[in-house]
Structure formats: structure tokens, C-alpha cells
């Protein structure tokens, strides 16, 4: 077997192997100083700013200082784990590893990225409000509820995308059998 077969084989085992190989490799980028400076820090500030703008837009008293959103009695720092970056990386890896056309992959990543961005802003907004009103619930909702919701939404989106990417054959490789052609005699 040629080494290129690893990248082109369509069976589920090779899909899983590609994910297992590429996810750690791409994740290693996130621990480099250039990646942190060029991607992580600006992404942290952008997410904090978007959350701040949404809060102000809905009349919530808040102030912004870089990556930190604060109000009287509550402060929330937006760190890399709060930006959706790792979710974007996961989605990128599973979509590029999946046997689909590049056009389908690109479209899936664009739609998926928009879903992640909106969901993440809703998450940050609600967490800030929760932290202001019920600070004792903040950690549990942040760690258990919102992470679970995010994982579920991304996996459901990927599953729907993957079924569509496979086309009429469906996820089982054969899909539902097509009805046999019938012959009609017209006098």
C-alpha cells in the first residue's frame, strides 16, 4: 500500500486514524509562542469585545479591559479555552479527514464555524449574566452545562454534514436500496 492511500482511503478505520494522527499534531500548534501571539491573544480579545458589545446592547452594565469583562461584583476573563478555538480545530480535523469533496468540506467548515461563533457568544453572554446574578453557579454551568451543549451541537452538526457529504448512499455506505425500475406498457 502506498503512503498516499492513508489520505485517500474512504473506510471508517482510515477516517478514525486520520483524526487520531492529525488532531494531536494540529493541537501542538496551539502551544507555540507565535500561535499564541498571532491567533490566541487576538481571538481572546475579540471574543471579550463581542461579548461586551452584546452586553451593552442589551443594557447590561459592564466594562472591558482587554480580555476581561467586569461589572460591579463580577469579573470574567476570556481565555483561549473560552473562544471556541479548540472546537474549531476539532471540526477542521474531522471535516478534512472525512471522505468528502473539498468544496463540501469548505462549505461545512464555514457553516460550522458560524455555528460555533454564535453559540460561543451566547455562551459567554449568558455566563456573564449568570456570574453577576448567581456567582456560585458560574463554574458548574461553565464547565458542565455549556461544554456539554457545545460538544453536542458540534457533534450533531458534524453528523448531519457527514451524512450529506456521503450523498444518497447515506452513512452506511449503501443507504436505502433504490426501488427496482418498473416497466410500464403503454398501448
Protein backbone atom coordinates (compact mmCIF):
# COMPACT_ATOMS: atom_id res chain seq x y z
CA UNK A 1 0.00 0.00 0.00
CA UNK A 2 1.34 3.39 -0.95
CA UNK A 3 1.57 6.10 1.68
CA UNK A 4 -0.98 8.20 -0.23
CA UNK A 5 -3.61 5.57 0.49
CA UNK A 6 -3.69 6.82 4.09
CA UNK A 7 -5.04 10.14 2.83
CA UNK A 8 -7.44 8.78 0.22
CA UNK A 9 -8.96 5.62 1.71
CA UNK A 10 -12.64 6.07 2.45
CA UNK A 11 -13.32 3.36 5.01
CA UNK A 12 -14.15 4.36 8.61
CA UNK A 13 -10.93 2.92 10.04
CA UNK A 14 -8.78 5.26 7.96
CA UNK A 15 -11.04 8.20 8.80
CA UNK A 16 -10.55 7.45 12.50
CA UNK A 17 -6.79 7.01 12.04
CA UNK A 18 -6.51 10.35 10.25
CA UNK A 19 -8.34 12.08 13.12
CA UNK A 20 -6.16 10.35 15.72
CA UNK A 21 -2.98 11.39 13.87
CA UNK A 22 -3.90 14.94 12.84
CA UNK A 23 -5.77 16.18 15.91
CA UNK A 24 -2.73 16.00 18.22
CA UNK A 25 -0.41 17.35 15.52
CA UNK A 26 -2.56 20.40 14.83
CA UNK A 27 -3.22 20.86 18.55
CA UNK A 28 0.54 21.11 19.11
CA UNK A 29 0.44 24.41 17.21
CA UNK A 30 -1.60 25.94 20.00
CA UNK A 31 1.29 25.66 22.46
CA UNK A 32 3.73 27.67 20.36
CA UNK A 33 4.51 31.30 21.15
CA UNK A 34 3.91 32.53 17.57
CA UNK A 35 0.48 30.88 17.51
CA UNK A 36 -0.38 32.39 20.85
CA UNK A 37 0.66 35.86 19.73
CA UNK A 38 -0.91 35.74 16.27
CA UNK A 39 -4.11 33.77 16.95
CA UNK A 40 -4.93 33.15 20.60
CA UNK A 41 -4.46 36.61 22.15
CA UNK A 42 -6.35 38.45 19.37
CA UNK A 43 -9.10 35.82 19.48
CA UNK A 44 -9.41 36.21 23.25
CA UNK A 45 -9.73 40.00 22.93
CA UNK A 46 -12.17 39.73 20.01
CA UNK A 47 -14.45 37.38 21.92
CA UNK A 48 -14.33 39.58 25.00
CA UNK A 49 -15.15 42.64 22.88
CA UNK A 50 -18.06 40.91 21.11
CA UNK A 51 -19.49 39.79 24.45
CA UNK A 52 -19.06 43.30 25.87
CA UNK A 53 -20.83 44.84 22.85
CA UNK A 54 -23.73 42.37 23.23
CA UNK A 55 -23.99 43.10 26.95
CA UNK A 56 -24.02 46.86 26.35
CA UNK A 57 -26.52 46.41 23.52
CA UNK A 58 -28.93 44.76 25.94
CA UNK A 59 -28.38 47.43 28.59
CA UNK A 60 -26.15 45.41 30.91
CA UNK A 61 -23.69 47.45 32.94
CA UNK A 62 -20.22 46.17 32.06
CA UNK A 63 -16.74 47.44 31.26
CA UNK A 64 -13.97 45.97 29.17
CA UNK A 65 -10.25 45.81 29.74
CA UNK A 66 -8.52 43.71 27.07
CA UNK A 67 -9.66 40.13 27.69
CA UNK A 68 -11.51 40.98 30.90
CA UNK A 69 -15.18 41.94 31.15
CA UNK A 70 -16.18 43.28 34.52
CA UNK A 71 -19.01 44.89 36.39
CA UNK A 72 -19.65 45.73 39.97
CA UNK A 73 -19.21 42.46 41.82
CA UNK A 74 -18.21 40.18 38.93
CA UNK A 75 -15.23 39.77 36.61
CA UNK A 76 -14.87 37.33 33.72
CA UNK A 77 -11.66 36.80 31.76
CA UNK A 78 -11.92 35.34 28.27
CA UNK A 79 -9.07 32.87 27.85
CA UNK A 80 -8.26 30.70 24.85
CA UNK A 81 -10.39 27.81 26.10
CA UNK A 82 -13.36 30.24 26.11
CA UNK A 83 -13.03 31.27 22.46
CA UNK A 84 -14.15 28.10 20.72
CA UNK A 85 -10.67 27.70 19.20
CA UNK A 86 -10.35 24.06 20.24
CA UNK A 87 -13.82 23.37 18.88
CA UNK A 88 -12.84 24.97 15.56
CA UNK A 89 -9.71 22.80 15.47
CA UNK A 90 -11.72 19.64 16.16
CA UNK A 91 -14.25 20.49 13.46
CA UNK A 92 -11.45 21.30 10.99
CA UNK A 93 -9.73 17.96 11.64
CA UNK A 94 -12.83 15.76 11.40
CA UNK A 95 -14.05 17.53 8.26
CA UNK A 96 -10.71 17.45 6.45
CA UNK A 97 -10.23 13.80 7.47
CA UNK A 98 -13.66 12.76 6.22
CA UNK A 99 -14.01 11.41 2.67
CA UNK A 100 -15.80 14.32 1.01
CA UNK A 101 -15.09 16.78 -1.77
CA UNK A 102 -13.02 19.82 -0.84
CA UNK A 103 -15.93 22.05 -1.80
CA UNK A 104 -18.19 20.18 0.61
CA UNK A 105 -15.53 20.34 3.33
CA UNK A 106 -15.04 24.08 2.89
CA UNK A 107 -18.77 24.75 2.96
CA UNK A 108 -19.13 22.55 6.04
CA UNK A 109 -16.29 24.31 7.84
CA UNK A 110 -17.70 27.76 7.05
CA UNK A 111 -21.19 26.89 8.29
CA UNK A 112 -19.75 25.02 11.28
CA UNK A 113 -17.51 27.94 12.18
CA UNK A 114 -20.50 30.30 12.12
CA UNK A 115 -22.45 27.93 14.38
CA UNK A 116 -19.52 27.71 16.81
CA UNK A 117 -19.05 31.51 16.82
CA UNK A 118 -22.71 32.26 17.54
CA UNK A 119 -23.03 29.50 20.13
CA UNK A 120 -19.87 30.69 21.85
CA UNK A 121 -21.10 34.28 22.05
CA UNK A 122 -24.42 33.12 23.51
CA UNK A 123 -22.42 31.04 25.99
CA UNK A 124 -20.17 33.93 27.06
CA UNK A 125 -23.10 36.36 27.30
CA UNK A 126 -25.20 34.02 29.45
CA UNK A 127 -22.23 33.08 31.61
CA UNK A 128 -21.52 36.74 32.36
CA UNK A 129 -25.14 37.35 33.33
CA UNK A 130 -25.15 34.19 35.44
CA UNK A 131 -21.90 35.24 37.12
CA UNK A 132 -23.40 38.62 38.01
CA UNK A 133 -26.62 37.19 39.46
CA UNK A 134 -25.66 33.71 40.68
CA UNK A 135 -21.87 33.54 41.04
CA UNK A 136 -21.98 30.19 42.88
CA UNK A 137 -23.50 28.55 39.78
CA UNK A 138 -20.98 30.02 37.35
CA UNK A 139 -18.32 27.28 37.49
CA UNK A 140 -20.74 24.38 37.24
CA UNK A 141 -22.69 25.88 34.36
CA UNK A 142 -19.46 26.94 32.62
CA UNK A 143 -17.75 23.56 32.92
CA UNK A 144 -20.59 21.06 32.76
CA UNK A 145 -23.63 22.56 31.07
CA UNK A 146 -22.10 24.77 28.38
CA UNK A 147 -19.29 22.39 27.48
CA UNK A 148 -21.81 19.56 27.13
CA UNK A 149 -24.09 21.71 24.99
CA UNK A 150 -21.18 22.80 22.79
CA UNK A 151 -19.95 19.24 22.29
CA UNK A 152 -23.47 18.01 21.49
CA UNK A 153 -24.17 20.80 18.99
CA UNK A 154 -20.85 20.33 17.16
CA UNK A 155 -21.20 16.54 17.01
CA UNK A 156 -24.79 16.78 15.75
CA UNK A 157 -23.76 19.32 13.15
CA UNK A 158 -20.84 17.15 12.01
CA UNK A 159 -23.08 14.07 11.83
CA UNK A 160 -25.65 15.90 9.68
CA UNK A 161 -22.87 17.29 7.48
CA UNK A 162 -21.21 13.86 7.11
CA UNK A 163 -24.48 12.22 6.05
CA UNK A 164 -24.99 14.96 3.48
CA UNK A 165 -21.37 14.68 2.31
CA UNK A 166 -21.86 10.97 1.67
CA UNK A 167 -24.72 11.78 -0.65
CA UNK A 168 -27.65 9.45 -1.32
CA UNK A 169 -25.67 6.44 -0.15
CA UNK A 170 -26.07 7.58 3.46
CA UNK A 171 -23.84 6.81 6.38
CA UNK A 172 -24.00 3.02 5.98
CA UNK A 173 -22.30 3.17 2.60
CA UNK A 174 -25.27 1.68 0.83
CA UNK A 175 -28.16 3.66 2.17
CA UNK A 176 -31.66 2.51 1.49
CA UNK A 177 -31.96 0.28 -1.52
CA UNK A 178 -33.29 2.01 -4.58
CA UNK A 179 -36.60 0.67 -5.84
CA UNK A 180 -36.33 -1.54 -8.87
CA UNK A 181 -37.23 0.12 -12.12
CA UNK A 182 -40.67 -0.84 -13.28
CA UNK A 183 -41.68 -1.19 -16.85
CA UNK A 184 -44.94 0.28 -17.93
CA UNK A 185 -46.56 -0.86 -21.13
CA UNK A 186 -48.49 1.89 -22.79
CA UNK A 187 -50.82 0.67 -25.50
